[in-house]
Amino acid sequence: MAGLRNVPAISRGGNVKLVPLLLMFCVATPALAQSKQEIVYWPASTLGGYSGTLKGRQTAKQTSSASEILSDLGNHKFEILRRDGSGAGELHQNWTDIFIVQGGEATILYGGSIEDGRDTGNGEIRGPKHVGGQSQKVGAGDVLVMPPGVAHQTIVEPGKMFFVLIVKVRREAK
């Protein structure tokens, strides 16, 4: 379910006077252009069901991870991710990642730097691995906030899996 929304319809006749008022409202509130005004709800059972779906995608593509953007609301996104192996090193210059662990476990390496990091576009730095810094073990129910500009990598031990809802929040322009 992408979201619930209640938007009044404007008919051709009776509500013509509202159009200039609505246009003025939209021009006066640029924040609306950055974030859609929606109620978003995913029951725990729906989120939990993604683990099997993503595992199926991993098997079909012969990869150790799969993800899906559940909702993109402009200045924040919701992504569901399953890893059955470690990820590469990464750094997001424009996004905060909020990890809400749904299942499994992993060790998140953070701080330090990305070995042989390359900018893949839009401030996303990727490299084969994270070096230096610290580590934090996470498991079901844990929440971890990764600020913009912090190098990190997810390590999943062999035979384990990591299933997480990630809320990505865009850094405000200064």
Protein backbone atom coordinates (compact mmCIF):
# COMPACT_ATOMS: atom_id res chain seq x y z
CA MET A 1 0.00 0.00 0.00
CA ALA A 2 1.70 3.20 -1.17
CA GLY A 3 -0.28 5.54 1.04
CA LEU A 4 -3.64 7.02 1.92
CA ARG A 5 -4.61 10.42 0.69
CA ASN A 6 -7.70 12.61 0.75
CA VAL A 7 -7.56 15.19 -2.05
CA PRO A 8 -10.68 17.27 -2.75
CA ALA A 9 -11.74 17.41 -6.39
CA ILE A 10 -12.10 20.80 -8.13
CA SER A 11 -14.98 20.83 -10.57
CA ARG A 12 -15.17 23.11 -13.62
CA GLY A 13 -17.92 25.35 -12.38
CA GLY A 14 -18.48 26.06 -8.72
CA ASN A 15 -14.91 26.02 -7.35
CA VAL A 16 -13.18 28.27 -9.91
CA LYS A 17 -12.51 30.90 -7.19
CA LEU A 18 -10.47 28.33 -5.25
CA VAL A 19 -7.92 27.85 -8.06
CA PRO A 20 -6.02 31.17 -7.50
CA LEU A 21 -6.06 30.54 -3.74
CA LEU A 22 -4.66 27.03 -4.21
CA LEU A 23 -1.98 28.29 -6.60
CA MET A 24 -0.95 31.00 -4.14
CA PHE A 25 -0.80 28.41 -1.34
CA CYS A 26 1.46 26.13 -3.42
CA VAL A 27 3.81 28.99 -4.37
CA ALA A 28 3.99 30.22 -0.78
CA THR A 29 4.89 26.81 0.64
CA PRO A 30 7.92 25.39 -1.22
CA ALA A 31 8.26 22.69 1.44
CA LEU A 32 5.30 20.94 -0.15
CA ALA A 33 7.33 20.43 -3.30
CA GLN A 34 9.95 18.57 -1.25
CA SER A 35 7.67 16.20 0.63
CA LYS A 36 4.33 14.73 -0.35
CA GLN A 37 1.65 14.97 2.31
CA GLU A 38 0.61 11.33 2.70
CA ILE A 39 -0.22 8.95 5.46
CA VAL A 40 1.88 5.83 4.97
CA TYR A 41 1.13 2.59 6.81
CA TRP A 42 2.62 -0.87 6.52
CA PRO A 43 1.42 -3.51 8.99
CA ALA A 44 4.20 -5.64 10.53
CA SER A 45 2.86 -8.65 8.60
CA THR A 46 3.29 -6.81 5.28
CA LEU A 47 6.85 -5.75 6.11
CA GLY A 48 7.71 -9.26 7.32
CA GLY A 49 6.42 -10.73 4.06
CA TYR A 50 9.07 -8.81 2.12
CA SER A 51 11.84 -11.01 3.55
CA GLY A 52 10.68 -14.02 1.52
CA THR A 53 9.98 -11.89 -1.56
CA LEU A 54 13.46 -10.37 -1.47
CA LYS A 55 15.05 -13.79 -0.85
CA GLY A 56 13.31 -14.97 -4.04
CA ARG A 57 14.82 -12.05 -5.97
CA GLN A 58 18.26 -12.86 -4.58
CA THR A 59 17.93 -16.45 -5.73
CA ALA A 60 16.69 -15.45 -9.20
CA LYS A 61 19.51 -12.92 -9.69
CA GLN A 62 22.14 -14.99 -7.82
CA THR A 63 23.02 -12.10 -5.51
CA SER A 64 23.41 -11.85 -1.74
CA SER A 65 21.12 -8.82 -1.36
CA ALA A 66 17.88 -7.40 -2.70
CA SER A 67 15.90 -4.27 -1.86
CA GLU A 68 12.83 -2.33 -2.86
CA ILE A 69 11.83 1.30 -2.43
CA LEU A 70 8.45 1.09 -0.71
CA SER A 71 7.69 4.79 -0.93
CA ASP A 72 9.48 7.91 -2.19
CA LEU A 73 8.03 11.01 -0.57
CA GLY A 74 10.54 13.50 -1.94
CA ASN A 75 12.77 14.40 0.99
CA HIS A 76 12.44 10.95 2.55
CA LYS A 77 12.19 7.40 1.26
CA PHE A 78 11.39 4.02 2.71
CA GLU A 79 13.48 1.07 1.51
CA ILE A 80 13.24 -2.56 2.59
CA LEU A 81 16.47 -4.56 2.29
CA ARG A 82 17.54 -8.15 2.84
CA ARG A 83 21.19 -9.22 2.91
CA ASP A 84 22.45 -12.78 3.10
CA GLY A 85 26.05 -11.58 2.77
CA SER A 86 28.10 -8.50 3.48
CA GLY A 87 27.72 -5.32 1.47
CA ALA A 88 30.38 -3.03 0.03
CA GLY A 89 31.58 0.17 1.67
CA GLU A 90 29.37 3.21 1.12
CA LEU A 91 28.93 6.83 2.08
CA HIS A 92 25.90 9.03 1.36
CA GLN A 93 26.76 12.72 1.25
CA ASN A 94 23.12 13.85 0.98
CA TRP A 95 21.13 11.28 3.00
CA THR A 96 20.74 10.11 6.57
CA ASP A 97 19.98 6.38 6.78
CA ILE A 98 17.81 5.24 9.68
CA PHE A 99 18.06 1.44 10.02
CA ILE A 100 15.08 -0.23 11.71
CA VAL A 101 16.12 -3.87 11.99
CA GLN A 102 13.26 -6.26 11.21
CA GLY A 103 15.13 -9.56 11.52
CA GLY A 104 18.47 -11.29 11.53
CA GLU A 105 21.67 -9.62 12.62
CA ALA A 106 24.69 -7.76 11.26
CA THR A 107 27.68 -5.72 12.29
CA ILE A 108 27.69 -2.16 10.99
CA LEU A 109 31.16 -0.70 10.49
CA TYR A 110 31.15 3.10 10.55
CA GLY A 111 33.49 6.09 10.57
CA GLY A 112 36.83 5.63 8.88
CA SER A 113 36.83 5.67 5.09
CA ILE A 114 35.89 3.73 1.96
CA GLU A 115 38.79 1.90 0.31
CA ASP A 116 39.11 2.91 -3.37
CA GLY A 117 35.86 4.89 -3.06
CA ARG A 118 34.25 6.21 -6.25
CA ASP A 119 31.46 8.76 -6.60
CA THR A 120 28.71 6.88 -8.42
CA GLY A 121 26.59 10.01 -8.78
CA ASN A 122 24.40 12.19 -6.57
CA GLY A 123 26.95 12.15 -3.74
CA GLU A 124 26.94 8.35 -3.39
CA ILE A 125 30.44 6.99 -2.71
CA ARG A 126 30.99 3.23 -3.13
CA GLY A 127 34.05 1.03 -2.69
CA PRO A 128 34.96 -2.58 -2.00
CA LYS A 129 35.23 -2.14 1.76
CA HIS A 130 35.20 0.13 4.79
CA VAL A 131 38.47 0.70 6.64
CA GLY A 132 39.09 2.14 10.12
CA GLY A 133 36.37 3.44 12.41
CA GLN A 134 34.19 1.49 14.81
CA SER A 135 31.58 -1.27 14.76
CA GLN A 136 28.09 -1.87 16.16
CA LYS A 137 26.25 -5.21 16.26
CA VAL A 138 22.53 -4.86 15.48
CA GLY A 139 19.61 -7.27 15.60
CA ALA A 140 15.81 -7.38 15.38
CA GLY A 141 14.20 -4.37 17.06
CA ASP A 142 17.35 -2.22 17.02
CA VAL A 143 17.49 1.23 15.42
CA LEU A 144 20.69 2.82 14.12
CA VAL A 145 21.00 6.30 12.59
CA MET A 146 23.78 6.84 10.02
CA PRO A 147 24.27 10.59 9.37
CA PRO A 148 25.27 11.96 5.95
CA GLY A 149 28.98 11.81 5.22
CA VAL A 150 29.73 8.82 7.47
CA ALA A 151 31.42 5.89 5.74
CA HIS A 152 29.79 2.55 6.58
CA GLN A 153 29.49 -1.11 5.62
CA THR A 154 27.13 -3.91 6.63
CA ILE A 155 28.84 -7.18 7.58
CA VAL A 156 26.67 -10.31 7.64
CA GLU A 157 28.31 -13.48 8.94
CA PRO A 158 28.12 -16.59 6.72
CA GLY A 159 24.87 -18.47 7.25
CA LYS A 160 23.14 -15.41 8.74
CA MET A 161 20.80 -12.84 7.22
CA PHE A 162 19.98 -9.19 7.84
CA PHE A 163 16.52 -7.76 7.12
CA VAL A 164 16.00 -4.02 7.62
CA LEU A 165 13.64 -1.14 6.89
CA ILE A 166 15.72 1.92 5.98
CA VAL A 167 14.26 5.41 6.21
CA LYS A 168 16.38 7.69 4.02
CA VAL A 169 16.08 11.40 4.89
CA ARG A 170 17.55 14.03 2.53
CA ARG A 171 19.95 16.54 4.07
CA GLU A 172 18.54 20.05 4.08
CA ALA A 173 20.11 22.44 1.59
CA LYS A 174 21.99 25.28 3.26
